[in-house]
N, C-alpha and C. Protein backbone atom coordinates (compact mmCIF):
# COMPACT_ATOMS: atom_id res chain seq x y z
N UNK A 1 0.88 -1.31 -0.08
CA UNK A 1 0.17 0.17 0.12
C UNK A 1 0.90 1.07 -0.11
N UNK A 2 0.74 2.24 -0.82
CA UNK A 2 1.63 3.34 -1.24
C UNK A 2 0.83 4.75 -0.20
N UNK A 3 2.00 5.19 0.15
CA UNK A 3 1.46 6.42 0.81
C UNK A 3 0.74 7.30 0.06
N UNK A 4 0.05 8.03 0.38
CA UNK A 4 -0.51 9.40 -0.30
C UNK A 4 0.41 10.34 -0.72
N UNK A 5 0.18 10.97 -1.62
CA UNK A 5 1.46 11.73 -2.12
C UNK A 5 1.75 12.86 -1.18
N UNK A 6 0.76 13.54 -0.63
CA UNK A 6 1.00 14.62 0.64
C UNK A 6 1.97 14.12 1.59
N UNK A 7 1.58 12.77 2.06
CA UNK A 7 2.73 12.17 2.98
C UNK A 7 4.04 11.89 2.69
N UNK A 8 4.11 11.96 1.12
CA UNK A 8 5.61 11.82 0.86
C UNK A 8 6.63 12.89 0.84
N UNK A 9 5.90 14.04 1.20
CA UNK A 9 6.78 15.25 1.41
C UNK A 9 7.35 15.38 2.72
N UNK A 10 8.76 15.72 2.81
CA UNK A 10 9.25 15.96 4.19
C UNK A 10 8.40 16.94 5.13
N UNK A 11 8.07 18.11 4.24
CA UNK A 11 7.56 19.15 5.41
C UNK A 11 6.07 18.93 5.80
N UNK A 12 5.38 17.79 5.38
CA UNK A 12 4.15 17.01 5.88
C UNK A 12 4.48 16.42 7.12
N UNK A 13 5.52 15.65 7.09
CA UNK A 13 6.04 15.25 8.50
C UNK A 13 6.40 16.00 9.55
N UNK A 14 7.24 17.08 9.08
CA UNK A 14 7.44 18.08 10.29
C UNK A 14 6.19 18.70 10.89
N UNK A 15 5.29 18.84 9.84
CA UNK A 15 3.96 19.86 10.26
C UNK A 15 3.22 18.63 11.35
N UNK A 16 3.16 17.45 10.73
CA UNK A 16 2.37 16.54 11.75
C UNK A 16 3.22 16.18 13.10
N UNK A 17 4.79 16.55 12.79
CA UNK A 17 5.11 16.32 14.17
C UNK A 17 5.01 17.38 14.99
N UNK A 18 5.07 18.88 14.66
CA UNK A 18 5.16 20.02 15.33
C UNK A 18 3.61 20.00 15.93
N UNK A 19 2.55 19.64 15.15
CA UNK A 19 1.39 19.58 15.41
C UNK A 19 0.99 18.48 16.87
N UNK A 20 1.63 17.58 16.52
CA UNK A 20 1.44 16.61 17.71
C UNK A 20 1.96 17.04 18.98
N UNK A 21 2.97 17.59 18.84
CA UNK A 21 4.09 18.29 20.12
C UNK A 21 3.10 19.34 20.44
N UNK A 22 2.27 20.27 19.83
CA UNK A 22 1.16 21.39 20.56
C UNK A 22 0.35 20.58 21.21
N UNK A 23 -0.13 19.45 20.49
CA UNK A 23 -1.51 19.13 21.16
C UNK A 23 -1.03 18.21 22.43
N UNK A 24 0.11 17.64 22.39
CA UNK A 24 0.53 17.17 23.78
C UNK A 24 0.89 18.31 24.73
N UNK A 25 1.38 19.38 24.59
CA UNK A 25 1.55 20.55 25.29
C UNK A 25 0.29 20.89 25.89
N UNK A 26 -0.76 20.91 25.25
CA UNK A 26 -1.98 21.57 25.41
C UNK A 26 -2.66 20.46 26.48
N UNK A 27 -2.60 18.97 26.21
CA UNK A 27 -3.16 18.45 27.18
C UNK A 27 -2.33 18.42 28.57
N UNK A 28 -1.35 18.63 28.64
CA UNK A 28 -0.47 18.92 29.81
C UNK A 28 -0.91 19.80 30.58
N UNK A 29 -0.79 21.06 29.84
CA UNK A 29 -1.49 22.13 30.47
C UNK A 29 -2.64 22.33 30.87
N UNK A 30 -3.80 21.63 30.38
CA UNK A 30 -5.17 21.36 30.67
C UNK A 30 -5.00 20.65 32.06
N UNK A 31 -4.31 19.57 31.94
CA UNK A 31 -4.40 18.88 33.32
C UNK A 31 -3.96 19.58 34.32
N UNK A 32 -2.97 20.57 34.38
CA UNK A 32 -2.23 21.52 35.23
C UNK A 32 -3.13 22.24 35.70
N UNK A 33 -4.13 22.93 34.71
CA UNK A 33 -4.67 23.76 35.17
C UNK A 33 -5.88 23.35 36.01
N UNK A 34 -6.48 22.21 35.56
CA UNK A 34 -7.54 21.52 35.99
C UNK A 34 -6.91 21.12 37.55
N UNK A 35 -6.16 20.72 37.64
CA UNK A 35 -5.62 20.14 39.21
C UNK A 35 -5.56 21.54 39.91
N UNK A 36 -4.94 22.59 39.55
CA UNK A 36 -4.88 23.86 40.08
C UNK A 36 -6.13 24.35 40.55
N UNK A 37 -7.04 24.21 39.67
CA UNK A 37 -8.49 24.71 40.12
C UNK A 37 -9.24 24.11 40.86
N UNK A 38 -8.78 22.52 41.02
CA UNK A 38 -9.64 21.98 41.82
C UNK A 38 -9.40 21.61 43.09
N UNK A 39 -7.72 22.01 43.42
CA UNK A 39 -7.32 22.43 45.01
C UNK A 39 -8.05 23.35 45.58
N UNK A 40 -8.10 23.31 46.82
CA UNK A 40 -8.90 24.45 47.56
C UNK A 40 -7.63 25.46 47.86
N UNK A 41 -7.79 26.75 47.87
CA UNK A 41 -6.80 27.91 47.89
C UNK A 41 -6.17 27.35 49.43
N UNK A 42 -4.87 27.54 49.49
CA UNK A 42 -4.24 27.64 50.76
C UNK A 42 -3.60 26.16 51.15
N UNK A 43 -4.08 25.43 50.30
CA UNK A 43 -3.87 23.87 50.29
C UNK A 43 -2.42 23.69 50.65
N UNK A 44 -2.12 23.21 51.88
CA UNK A 44 -0.61 22.95 52.06
C UNK A 44 0.39 21.75 51.37
N UNK A 45 -0.70 20.96 50.68
CA UNK A 45 0.35 20.12 49.90
C UNK A 45 0.46 20.70 48.25
N UNK A 46 -0.11 21.75 48.05
CA UNK A 46 0.39 22.62 47.04
C UNK A 46 1.83 23.15 47.10
N UNK A 47 2.31 23.22 48.44
CA UNK A 47 3.59 23.98 48.58
C UNK A 47 3.62 25.19 48.29
N UNK A 48 2.81 25.92 48.09
CA UNK A 48 2.73 27.34 47.67
C UNK A 48 1.78 28.07 49.02
N UNK A 49 2.05 29.12 49.30
CA UNK A 49 1.44 30.24 50.10
C UNK A 49 1.60 31.39 49.64
N UNK A 50 0.21 32.18 49.92
CA UNK A 50 0.03 33.53 49.64
C UNK A 50 1.07 34.32 50.19
N UNK A 51 1.69 35.47 49.77
CA UNK A 51 2.40 36.50 50.57
C UNK A 51 1.65 37.09 51.80
N UNK A 52 0.58 37.24 51.95
CA UNK A 52 0.03 37.73 53.09
C UNK A 52 0.11 36.78 54.07
N UNK A 53 0.13 35.33 53.72
CA UNK A 53 0.07 34.32 54.53
C UNK A 53 1.38 34.11 55.32
N UNK A 54 2.35 34.47 54.41
CA UNK A 54 3.80 34.60 55.05
C UNK A 54 3.94 35.78 56.10
N UNK A 55 3.30 36.69 55.91
CA UNK A 55 3.72 37.90 56.71
C UNK A 55 3.09 38.02 57.72
N UNK A 56 1.62 37.35 57.82
CA UNK A 56 0.77 37.29 59.17
C UNK A 56 1.70 36.16 60.29
N UNK A 57 2.32 35.31 59.52
CA UNK A 57 3.19 34.22 60.65
C UNK A 57 4.48 34.78 60.93
N UNK A 58 5.10 35.77 60.42
CA UNK A 58 6.33 36.04 60.84
C UNK A 58 6.44 37.66 61.84
N UNK A 59 5.14 38.28 61.95
CA UNK A 59 4.93 39.38 62.77
C UNK A 59 4.62 39.01 64.01
């Protein structure tokens, strides 16, 4: 079975590869954003605190 003529071009494979990289990056970013939005604010498991919280503990 021969490949279609459009896939015999090297540029087509580069475009497909770049598109796949963008799709994978978008999926990873989506998972990160959903995880951040689902965590309650100030959750100690996140390892991040707001600057106001740091100031109030040190005064």
